Amino acid sequence: AKGYKGFKGNCSFSFIEQFRALHQCNGYCEMLGLKSLRTTH
């Protein structure tokens, strides 16, 4: 809601929550060394 670095998006912040809950990492996430959202949650 407060935006990020002075930038406000045009979509509801609830998409961030949904992404965090639904995202399933794939091989490209692994190649980039991204942290799984499941385990941190």
ModelCIF file with pLDDT and N, C-alpha, C, O atoms, coordinates in Angstrom:
data_MODEL
#
_entry.id   MODEL 
#
_entity.id                         1 
_entity.type                       polymer 
_entity.pdbx_number_of_molecules   1 
#
_entity_poly.entity_id                      1 
_entity_poly.type                           'polypeptide(L)' 
_entity_poly.nstd_linkage                   no 
_entity_poly.nstd_monomer                   no 
_entity_poly.pdbx_seq_one_letter_code       AKGYKGFKGNCSFSFIEQFRALHQCNGYCEMLGLKSLRTTH 
_entity_poly.pdbx_seq_one_letter_code_can   AKGYKGFKGNCSFSFIEQFRALHQCNGYCEMLGLKSLRTTH 
_entity_poly.pdbx_strand_id                 A 
#
loop_
_entity_poly_seq.entity_id 
_entity_poly_seq.num 
_entity_poly_seq.mon_id 
_entity_poly_seq.hetero 
1 1  ALA n 
1 2  LYS n 
1 3  GLY n 
1 4  TYR n 
1 5  LYS n 
1 6  GLY n 
1 7  PHE n 
1 8  LYS n 
1 9  GLY n 
1 10 ASN n 
1 11 CYS n 
1 12 SER n 
1 13 PHE n 
1 14 SER n 
1 15 PHE n 
1 16 ILE n 
1 17 GLU n 
1 18 GLN n 
1 19 PHE n 
1 20 ARG n 
1 21 ALA n 
1 22 LEU n 
1 23 HIS n 
1 24 GLN n 
1 25 CYS n 
1 26 ASN n 
1 27 GLY n 
1 28 TYR n 
1 29 CYS n 
1 30 GLU n 
1 31 MET n 
1 32 LEU n 
1 33 GLY n 
1 34 LEU n 
1 35 LYS n 
1 36 SER n 
1 37 LEU n 
1 38 ARG n 
1 39 THR n 
1 40 THR n 
1 41 HIS n 
#
_struct_asym.id          A 
_struct_asym.entity_id   1 
#
loop_
_ma_qa_metric.id 
_ma_qa_metric.mode 
_ma_qa_metric.name 
_ma_qa_metric.software_group_id 
_ma_qa_metric.type 
1 global pLDDT . pLDDT 
2 local  pLDDT . pLDDT 
#
_ma_qa_metric_global.metric_id      1 
_ma_qa_metric_global.metric_value   87.34 
_ma_qa_metric_global.model_id       1 
_ma_qa_metric_global.ordinal_id     1 
#
loop_
_ma_qa_metric_local.label_asym_id 
_ma_qa_metric_local.label_comp_id 
_ma_qa_metric_local.label_seq_id 
_ma_qa_metric_local.metric_id 
_ma_qa_metric_local.metric_value 
_ma_qa_metric_local.model_id 
_ma_qa_metric_local.ordinal_id 
A ALA 1  2 84.00 1 1  
A LYS 2  2 88.00 1 2  
A GLY 3  2 89.00 1 3  
A TYR 4  2 92.00 1 4  
A LYS 5  2 91.00 1 5  
A GLY 6  2 88.00 1 6  
A PHE 7  2 89.00 1 7  
A LYS 8  2 88.00 1 8  
A GLY 9  2 89.00 1 9  
A ASN 10 2 89.00 1 10 
A CYS 11 2 88.00 1 11 
A SER 12 2 86.00 1 12 
A PHE 13 2 87.00 1 13 
A SER 14 2 88.00 1 14 
A PHE 15 2 89.00 1 15 
A ILE 16 2 91.00 1 16 
A GLU 17 2 89.00 1 17 
A GLN 18 2 87.00 1 18 
A PHE 19 2 89.00 1 19 
A ARG 20 2 90.00 1 20 
A ALA 21 2 87.00 1 21 
A LEU 22 2 84.00 1 22 
A HIS 23 2 88.00 1 23 
A GLN 24 2 87.00 1 24 
A CYS 25 2 91.00 1 25 
A ASN 26 2 92.00 1 26 
A GLY 27 2 94.00 1 27 
A TYR 28 2 96.00 1 28 
A CYS 29 2 96.00 1 29 
A GLU 30 2 96.00 1 30 
A MET 31 2 97.00 1 31 
A LEU 32 2 97.00 1 32 
A GLY 33 2 97.00 1 33 
A LEU 34 2 97.00 1 34 
A LYS 35 2 95.00 1 35 
A SER 36 2 93.00 1 36 
A LEU 37 2 88.00 1 37 
A ARG 38 2 78.00 1 38 
A THR 39 2 57.00 1 39 
A THR 40 2 51.00 1 40 
A HIS 41 2 49.00 1 41 
#
loop_
_atom_site.group_PDB 
_atom_site.id 
_atom_site.type_symbol 
_atom_site.label_atom_id 
_atom_site.label_alt_id 
_atom_site.label_comp_id 
_atom_site.label_asym_id 
_atom_site.label_entity_id 
_atom_site.label_seq_id 
_atom_site.pdbx_PDB_ins_code 
_atom_site.Cartn_x 
_atom_site.Cartn_y 
_atom_site.Cartn_z 
_atom_site.occupancy 
_atom_site.B_iso_or_equiv 
_atom_site.pdbx_formal_charge 
_atom_site.auth_seq_id 
_atom_site.auth_comp_id 
_atom_site.auth_asym_id 
_atom_site.auth_atom_id 
_atom_site.pdbx_PDB_model_num 
ATOM 1   N N  . ALA A 1 1  ? 0.807  -1.232  0.000   1.00 84.00 ? 1  ALA A N  1 
ATOM 2   C CA . ALA A 1 1  ? 0.000  0.000   0.000   1.00 84.00 ? 1  ALA A CA 1 
ATOM 3   C C  . ALA A 1 1  ? 0.836  1.277   0.000   1.00 84.00 ? 1  ALA A C  1 
ATOM 4   O O  . ALA A 1 1  ? 0.471  2.264   -0.639  1.00 84.00 ? 1  ALA A O  1 
ATOM 5   N N  . LYS A 1 2  ? 1.951  1.255   0.713   1.00 88.00 ? 2  LYS A N  1 
ATOM 6   C CA . LYS A 1 2  ? 2.748  2.494   0.805   1.00 88.00 ? 2  LYS A CA 1 
ATOM 7   C C  . LYS A 1 2  ? 3.577  2.735   -0.447  1.00 88.00 ? 2  LYS A C  1 
ATOM 8   O O  . LYS A 1 2  ? 4.219  3.777   -0.582  1.00 88.00 ? 2  LYS A O  1 
ATOM 9   N N  . GLY A 1 3  ? 3.563  1.761   -1.371  1.00 89.00 ? 3  GLY A N  1 
ATOM 10  C CA . GLY A 1 3  ? 4.379  1.909   -2.578  1.00 89.00 ? 3  GLY A CA 1 
ATOM 11  C C  . GLY A 1 3  ? 5.794  1.407   -2.319  1.00 89.00 ? 3  GLY A C  1 
ATOM 12  O O  . GLY A 1 3  ? 6.100  0.879   -1.250  1.00 89.00 ? 3  GLY A O  1 
ATOM 13  N N  . TYR A 1 4  ? 6.641  1.583   -3.314  1.00 92.00 ? 4  TYR A N  1 
ATOM 14  C CA . TYR A 1 4  ? 8.035  1.130   -3.201  1.00 92.00 ? 4  TYR A CA 1 
ATOM 15  C C  . TYR A 1 4  ? 8.927  2.173   -3.838  1.00 92.00 ? 4  TYR A C  1 
ATOM 16  O O  . TYR A 1 4  ? 8.816  2.445   -5.034  1.00 92.00 ? 4  TYR A O  1 
ATOM 17  N N  . LYS A 1 5  ? 9.815  2.762   -3.042  1.00 91.00 ? 5  LYS A N  1 
ATOM 18  C CA . LYS A 1 5  ? 10.736 3.809   -3.528  1.00 91.00 ? 5  LYS A CA 1 
ATOM 19  C C  . LYS A 1 5  ? 9.988  4.899   -4.286  1.00 91.00 ? 5  LYS A C  1 
ATOM 20  O O  . LYS A 1 5  ? 10.424 5.334   -5.352  1.00 91.00 ? 5  LYS A O  1 
ATOM 21  N N  . GLY A 1 6  ? 8.880  5.330   -3.741  1.00 88.00 ? 6  GLY A N  1 
ATOM 22  C CA . GLY A 1 6  ? 8.103  6.423   -4.355  1.00 88.00 ? 6  GLY A CA 1 
ATOM 23  C C  . GLY A 1 6  ? 7.222  5.989   -5.514  1.00 88.00 ? 6  GLY A C  1 
ATOM 24  O O  . GLY A 1 6  ? 6.539  6.818   -6.116  1.00 88.00 ? 6  GLY A O  1 
ATOM 25  N N  . PHE A 1 7  ? 7.226  4.697   -5.836  1.00 89.00 ? 7  PHE A N  1 
ATOM 26  C CA . PHE A 1 7  ? 6.427  4.202   -6.965  1.00 89.00 ? 7  PHE A CA 1 
ATOM 27  C C  . PHE A 1 7  ? 5.227  3.435   -6.437  1.00 89.00 ? 7  PHE A C  1 
ATOM 28  O O  . PHE A 1 7  ? 5.365  2.579   -5.564  1.00 89.00 ? 7  PHE A O  1 
ATOM 29  N N  . LYS A 1 8  ? 4.046  3.742   -6.968  1.00 88.00 ? 8  LYS A N  1 
ATOM 30  C CA . LYS A 1 8  ? 2.847  2.987   -6.581  1.00 88.00 ? 8  LYS A CA 1 
ATOM 31  C C  . LYS A 1 8  ? 2.343  2.196   -7.770  1.00 88.00 ? 8  LYS A C  1 
ATOM 32  O O  . LYS A 1 8  ? 2.237  2.725   -8.876  1.00 88.00 ? 8  LYS A O  1 
ATOM 33  N N  . GLY A 1 9  ? 2.034  0.932   -7.544  1.00 89.00 ? 9  GLY A N  1 
ATOM 34  C CA . GLY A 1 9  ? 1.562  0.079   -8.630  1.00 89.00 ? 9  GLY A CA 1 
ATOM 35  C C  . GLY A 1 9  ? 0.117  0.370   -8.996  1.00 89.00 ? 9  GLY A C  1 
ATOM 36  O O  . GLY A 1 9  ? -0.548 1.177   -8.347  1.00 89.00 ? 9  GLY A O  1 
ATOM 37  N N  . ASN A 1 10 ? -0.363 -0.293  -10.040 1.00 89.00 ? 10 ASN A N  1 
ATOM 38  C CA . ASN A 1 10 ? -1.746 -0.101  -10.495 1.00 89.00 ? 10 ASN A CA 1 
ATOM 39  C C  . ASN A 1 10 ? -2.588 -1.348  -10.216 1.00 89.00 ? 10 ASN A C  1 
ATOM 40  O O  . ASN A 1 10 ? -3.711 -1.457  -10.710 1.00 89.00 ? 10 ASN A O  1 
ATOM 41  N N  . CYS A 1 11 ? -2.058 -2.287  -9.431  1.00 88.00 ? 11 CYS A N  1 
ATOM 42  C CA . CYS A 1 11 ? -2.804 -3.504  -9.094  1.00 88.00 ? 11 CYS A CA 1 
ATOM 43  C C  . CYS A 1 11 ? -2.884 -3.633  -7.578  1.00 88.00 ? 11 CYS A C  1 
ATOM 44  O O  . CYS A 1 11 ? -2.073 -3.060  -6.850  1.00 88.00 ? 11 CYS A O  1 
ATOM 45  N N  . SER A 1 12 ? -3.859 -4.381  -7.120  1.00 86.00 ? 12 SER A N  1 
ATOM 46  C CA . SER A 1 12 ? -4.061 -4.553  -5.688  1.00 86.00 ? 12 SER A CA 1 
ATOM 47  C C  . SER A 1 12 ? -2.873 -5.243  -5.022  1.00 86.00 ? 12 SER A C  1 
ATOM 48  O O  . SER A 1 12 ? -2.277 -6.154  -5.597  1.00 86.00 ? 12 SER A O  1 
ATOM 49  N N  . PHE A 1 13 ? -2.529 -4.808  -3.809  1.00 87.00 ? 13 PHE A N  1 
ATOM 50  C CA . PHE A 1 13 ? -1.420 -5.426  -3.080  1.00 87.00 ? 13 PHE A CA 1 
ATOM 51  C C  . PHE A 1 13 ? -1.705 -6.894  -2.764  1.00 87.00 ? 13 PHE A C  1 
ATOM 52  O O  . PHE A 1 13 ? -0.783 -7.651  -2.461  1.00 87.00 ? 13 PHE A O  1 
ATOM 53  N N  . SER A 1 14 ? -2.978 -7.303  -2.832  1.00 88.00 ? 14 SER A N  1 
ATOM 54  C CA . SER A 1 14 ? -3.322 -8.704  -2.516  1.00 88.00 ? 14 SER A CA 1 
ATOM 55  C C  . SER A 1 14 ? -2.679 -9.676  -3.515  1.00 88.00 ? 14 SER A C  1 
ATOM 56  O O  . SER A 1 14 ? -2.520 -10.858 -3.209  1.00 88.00 ? 14 SER A O  1 
ATOM 57  N N  . PHE A 1 15 ? -2.310 -9.187  -4.708  1.00 89.00 ? 15 PHE A N  1 
ATOM 58  C CA . PHE A 1 15 ? -1.638 -10.067 -5.684  1.00 89.00 ? 15 PHE A CA 1 
ATOM 59  C C  . PHE A 1 15 ? -0.295 -10.532 -5.138  1.00 89.00 ? 15 PHE A C  1 
ATOM 60  O O  . PHE A 1 15 ? 0.163  -11.634 -5.442  1.00 89.00 ? 15 PHE A O  1 
ATOM 61  N N  . ILE A 1 16 ? 0.334  -9.680  -4.327  1.00 91.00 ? 16 ILE A N  1 
ATOM 62  C CA . ILE A 1 16 ? 1.632  -10.045 -3.747  1.00 91.00 ? 16 ILE A CA 1 
ATOM 63  C C  . ILE A 1 16 ? 1.428  -11.224 -2.796  1.00 91.00 ? 16 ILE A C  1 
ATOM 64  O O  . ILE A 1 16 ? 2.193  -12.188 -2.818  1.00 91.00 ? 16 ILE A O  1 
ATOM 65  N N  . GLU A 1 17 ? 0.385  -11.138 -1.959  1.00 89.00 ? 17 GLU A N  1 
ATOM 66  C CA . GLU A 1 17 ? 0.055  -12.230 -1.030  1.00 89.00 ? 17 GLU A CA 1 
ATOM 67  C C  . GLU A 1 17 ? -0.201 -13.522 -1.810  1.00 89.00 ? 17 GLU A C  1 
ATOM 68  O O  . GLU A 1 17 ? 0.318  -14.585 -1.470  1.00 89.00 ? 17 GLU A O  1 
ATOM 69  N N  . GLN A 1 18 ? -1.016 -13.403 -2.869  1.00 87.00 ? 18 GLN A N  1 
ATOM 70  C CA . GLN A 1 18 ? -1.373 -14.593 -3.647  1.00 87.00 ? 18 GLN A CA 1 
ATOM 71  C C  . GLN A 1 18 ? -0.153 -15.194 -4.330  1.00 87.00 ? 18 GLN A C  1 
ATOM 72  O O  . GLN A 1 18 ? 0.005  -16.413 -4.386  1.00 87.00 ? 18 GLN A O  1 
ATOM 73  N N  . PHE A 1 19 ? 0.695  -14.336 -4.842  1.00 89.00 ? 19 PHE A N  1 
ATOM 74  C CA . PHE A 1 19 ? 1.906  -14.828 -5.498  1.00 89.00 ? 19 PHE A CA 1 
ATOM 75  C C  . PHE A 1 19 ? 2.740  -15.623 -4.496  1.00 89.00 ? 19 PHE A C  1 
ATOM 76  O O  . PHE A 1 19 ? 3.220  -16.719 -4.787  1.00 89.00 ? 19 PHE A O  1 
ATOM 77  N N  . ARG A 1 20 ? 2.898  -15.040 -3.310  1.00 90.00 ? 20 ARG A N  1 
ATOM 78  C CA . ARG A 1 20 ? 3.719  -15.691 -2.282  1.00 90.00 ? 20 ARG A CA 1 
ATOM 79  C C  . ARG A 1 20 ? 3.139  -17.073 -1.942  1.00 90.00 ? 20 ARG A C  1 
ATOM 80  O O  . ARG A 1 20 ? 3.883  -18.029 -1.722  1.00 90.00 ? 20 ARG A O  1 
ATOM 81  N N  . ALA A 1 21 ? 1.816  -17.165 -1.903  1.00 87.00 ? 21 ALA A N  1 
ATOM 82  C CA . ALA A 1 21 ? 1.174  -18.436 -1.544  1.00 87.00 ? 21 ALA A CA 1 
ATOM 83  C C  . ALA A 1 21 ? 1.194  -19.451 -2.693  1.00 87.00 ? 21 ALA A C  1 
ATOM 84  O O  . ALA A 1 21 ? 1.291  -20.654 -2.455  1.00 87.00 ? 21 ALA A O  1 
ATOM 85  N N  . LEU A 1 22 ? 1.102  -18.966 -3.948  1.00 84.00 ? 22 LEU A N  1 
ATOM 86  C CA . LEU A 1 22 ? 0.914  -19.871 -5.082  1.00 84.00 ? 22 LEU A CA 1 
ATOM 87  C C  . LEU A 1 22 ? 2.171  -20.191 -5.883  1.00 84.00 ? 22 LEU A C  1 
ATOM 88  O O  . LEU A 1 22 ? 2.216  -21.194 -6.596  1.00 84.00 ? 22 LEU A O  1 
ATOM 89  N N  . HIS A 1 23 ? 3.185  -19.349 -5.771  1.00 88.00 ? 23 HIS A N  1 
ATOM 90  C CA . HIS A 1 23 ? 4.365  -19.528 -6.628  1.00 88.00 ? 23 HIS A CA 1 
ATOM 91  C C  . HIS A 1 23 ? 5.056  -20.864 -6.369  1.00 88.00 ? 23 HIS A C  1 
ATOM 92  O O  . HIS A 1 23 ? 5.321  -21.232 -5.225  1.00 88.00 ? 23 HIS A O  1 
ATOM 93  N N  . GLN A 1 24 ? 5.338  -21.574 -7.445  1.00 87.00 ? 24 GLN A N  1 
ATOM 94  C CA . GLN A 1 24 ? 6.122  -22.798 -7.351  1.00 87.00 ? 24 GLN A CA 1 
ATOM 95  C C  . GLN A 1 24 ? 7.396  -22.598 -8.147  1.00 87.00 ? 24 GLN A C  1 
ATOM 96  O O  . GLN A 1 24 ? 7.358  -22.341 -9.351  1.00 87.00 ? 24 GLN A O  1 
ATOM 97  N N  . CYS A 1 25 ? 8.515  -22.716 -7.472  1.00 91.00 ? 25 CYS A N  1 
ATOM 98  C CA . CYS A 1 25 ? 9.795  -22.491 -8.155  1.00 91.00 ? 25 CYS A CA 1 
ATOM 99  C C  . CYS A 1 25 ? 10.007 -23.527 -9.255  1.00 91.00 ? 25 CYS A C  1 
ATOM 100 O O  . CYS A 1 25 ? 9.573  -24.674 -9.145  1.00 91.00 ? 25 CYS A O  1 
ATOM 101 N N  . ASN A 1 26 ? 10.677 -23.101 -10.308 1.00 92.00 ? 26 ASN A N  1 
ATOM 102 C CA . ASN A 1 26 ? 11.040 -24.011 -11.396 1.00 92.00 ? 26 ASN A CA 1 
ATOM 103 C C  . ASN A 1 26 ? 12.564 -23.972 -11.567 1.00 92.00 ? 26 ASN A C  1 
ATOM 104 O O  . ASN A 1 26 ? 13.273 -23.325 -10.796 1.00 92.00 ? 26 ASN A O  1 
ATOM 105 N N  . GLY A 1 27 ? 13.041 -24.668 -12.579 1.00 94.00 ? 27 GLY A N  1 
ATOM 106 C CA . GLY A 1 27 ? 14.487 -24.764 -12.803 1.00 94.00 ? 27 GLY A CA 1 
ATOM 107 C C  . GLY A 1 27 ? 15.162 -23.412 -13.012 1.00 94.00 ? 27 GLY A C  1 
ATOM 108 O O  . GLY A 1 27 ? 16.329 -23.240 -12.658 1.00 94.00 ? 27 GLY A O  1 
ATOM 109 N N  . TYR A 1 28 ? 14.423 -22.435 -13.596 1.00 96.00 ? 28 TYR A N  1 
ATOM 110 C CA . TYR A 1 28 ? 15.017 -21.113 -13.840 1.00 96.00 ? 28 TYR A CA 1 
ATOM 111 C C  . TYR A 1 28 ? 15.189 -20.354 -12.525 1.00 96.00 ? 28 TYR A C  1 
ATOM 112 O O  . TYR A 1 28 ? 16.150 -19.602 -12.363 1.00 96.00 ? 28 TYR A O  1 
ATOM 113 N N  . CYS A 1 29 ? 14.267 -20.548 -11.592 1.00 96.00 ? 29 CYS A N  1 
ATOM 114 C CA . CYS A 1 29 ? 14.405 -19.927 -10.256 1.00 96.00 ? 29 CYS A CA 1 
ATOM 115 C C  . CYS A 1 29 ? 15.676 -20.478 -9.602  1.00 96.00 ? 29 CYS A C  1 
ATOM 116 O O  . CYS A 1 29 ? 16.445 -19.747 -8.978  1.00 96.00 ? 29 CYS A O  1 
ATOM 117 N N  . GLU A 1 30 ? 15.870 -21.792 -9.765  1.00 96.00 ? 30 GLU A N  1 
ATOM 118 C CA . GLU A 1 30 ? 17.057 -22.431 -9.171  1.00 96.00 ? 30 GLU A CA 1 
ATOM 119 C C  . GLU A 1 30 ? 18.337 -21.906 -9.801  1.00 96.00 ? 30 GLU A C  1 
ATOM 120 O O  . GLU A 1 30 ? 19.317 -21.642 -9.103  1.00 96.00 ? 30 GLU A O  1 
ATOM 121 N N  . MET A 1 31 ? 18.330 -21.751 -11.146 1.00 97.00 ? 31 MET A N  1 
ATOM 122 C CA . MET A 1 31 ? 19.526 -21.241 -11.833 1.00 97.00 ? 31 MET A CA 1 
ATOM 123 C C  . MET A 1 31 ? 19.931 -19.864 -11.304 1.00 97.00 ? 31 MET A C  1 
ATOM 124 O O  . MET A 1 31 ? 21.118 -19.551 -11.202 1.00 97.00 ? 31 MET A O  1 
ATOM 125 N N  . LEU A 1 32 ? 18.935 -19.052 -10.973 1.00 97.00 ? 32 LEU A N  1 
ATOM 126 C CA . LEU A 1 32 ? 19.214 -17.703 -10.478 1.00 97.00 ? 32 LEU A CA 1 
ATOM 127 C C  . LEU A 1 32 ? 19.458 -17.685 -8.964  1.00 97.00 ? 32 LEU A C  1 
ATOM 128 O O  . LEU A 1 32 ? 19.754 -16.641 -8.384  1.00 97.00 ? 32 LEU A O  1 
ATOM 129 N N  . GLY A 1 33 ? 19.330 -18.853 -8.343  1.00 97.00 ? 33 GLY A N  1 
ATOM 130 C CA . GLY A 1 33 ? 19.583 -18.944 -6.899  1.00 97.00 ? 33 GLY A CA 1 
ATOM 131 C C  . GLY A 1 33 ? 18.527 -18.240 -6.059  1.00 97.00 ? 33 GLY A C  1 
ATOM 132 O O  . GLY A 1 33 ? 18.831 -17.732 -4.980  1.00 97.00 ? 33 GLY A O  1 
ATOM 133 N N  . LEU A 1 34 ? 17.277 -18.204 -6.548  1.00 97.00 ? 34 LEU A N  1 
ATOM 134 C CA . LEU A 1 34 ? 16.216 -17.534 -5.781  1.00 97.00 ? 34 LEU A CA 1 
ATOM 135 C C  . LEU A 1 34 ? 15.774 -18.427 -4.621  1.00 97.00 ? 34 LEU A C  1 
ATOM 136 O O  . LEU A 1 34 ? 15.734 -19.652 -4.736  1.00 97.00 ? 34 LEU A O  1 
ATOM 137 N N  . LYS A 1 35 ? 15.447 -17.785 -3.514  1.00 95.00 ? 35 LYS A N  1 
ATOM 138 C CA . LYS A 1 35 ? 15.033 -18.538 -2.322  1.00 95.00 ? 35 LYS A CA 1 
ATOM 139 C C  . LYS A 1 35 ? 13.590 -19.002 -2.486  1.00 95.00 ? 35 LYS A C  1 
ATOM 140 O O  . LYS A 1 35 ? 12.731 -18.235 -2.921  1.00 95.00 ? 35 LYS A O  1 
ATOM 141 N N  . SER A 1 36 ? 13.327 -20.254 -2.139  1.00 93.00 ? 36 SER A N  1 
ATOM 142 C CA . SER A 1 36 ? 11.957 -20.764 -2.232  1.00 93.00 ? 36 SER A CA 1 
ATOM 143 C C  . SER A 1 36 ? 11.057 -20.001 -1.260  1.00 93.00 ? 36 SER A C  1 
ATOM 144 O O  . SER A 1 36 ? 11.421 -19.791 -0.103  1.00 93.00 ? 36 SER A O  1 
ATOM 145 N N  . LEU A 1 37 ? 9.886  -19.591 -1.735  1.00 88.00 ? 37 LEU A N  1 
ATOM 146 C CA . LEU A 1 37 ? 8.964  -18.833 -0.886  1.00 88.00 ? 37 LEU A CA 1 
ATOM 147 C C  . LEU A 1 37 ? 8.258  -19.764 0.085   1.00 88.00 ? 37 LEU A C  1 
ATOM 148 O O  . LEU A 1 37 ? 7.819  -19.337 1.152   1.00 88.00 ? 37 LEU A O  1 
ATOM 149 N N  . ARG A 1 38 ? 8.149  -21.024 -0.279  1.00 78.00 ? 38 ARG A N  1 
ATOM 150 C CA . ARG A 1 38 ? 7.465  -21.997 0.581   1.00 78.00 ? 38 ARG A CA 1 
ATOM 151 C C  . ARG A 1 38 ? 8.216  -22.168 1.894   1.00 78.00 ? 38 ARG A C  1 
ATOM 152 O O  . ARG A 1 38 ? 7.648  -22.008 2.974   1.00 78.00 ? 38 ARG A O  1 
ATOM 153 N N  . THR A 1 39 ? 9.519  -22.501 1.783   1.00 57.00 ? 39 THR A N  1 
ATOM 154 C CA . THR A 1 39 ? 10.257 -22.836 3.000   1.00 57.00 ? 39 THR A CA 1 
ATOM 155 C C  . THR A 1 39 ? 10.373 -21.629 3.919   1.00 57.00 ? 39 THR A C  1 
ATOM 156 O O  . THR A 1 39 ? 10.242 -21.772 5.134   1.00 57.00 ? 39 THR A O  1 
ATOM 157 N N  . THR A 1 40 ? 10.618 -20.436 3.365   1.00 51.00 ? 40 THR A N  1 
ATOM 158 C CA . THR A 1 40 ? 10.767 -19.268 4.249   1.00 51.00 ? 40 THR A CA 1 
ATOM 159 C C  . THR A 1 40 ? 9.452  -19.003 4.957   1.00 51.00 ? 40 THR A C  1 
ATOM 160 O O  . THR A 1 40 ? 9.438  -18.603 6.121   1.00 51.00 ? 40 THR A O  1 
ATOM 161 N N  . HIS A 1 41 ? 8.340  -19.224 4.255   1.00 49.00 ? 41 HIS A N  1 
ATOM 162 C CA . HIS A 1 41 ? 7.024  -18.974 4.838   1.00 49.00 ? 41 HIS A CA 1 
ATOM 163 C C  . HIS A 1 41 ? 6.782  -19.927 6.009   1.00 49.00 ? 41 HIS A C  1 
ATOM 164 O O  . HIS A 1 41 ? 5.725  -19.876 6.638   1.00 49.00 ? 41 HIS A O  1 
#
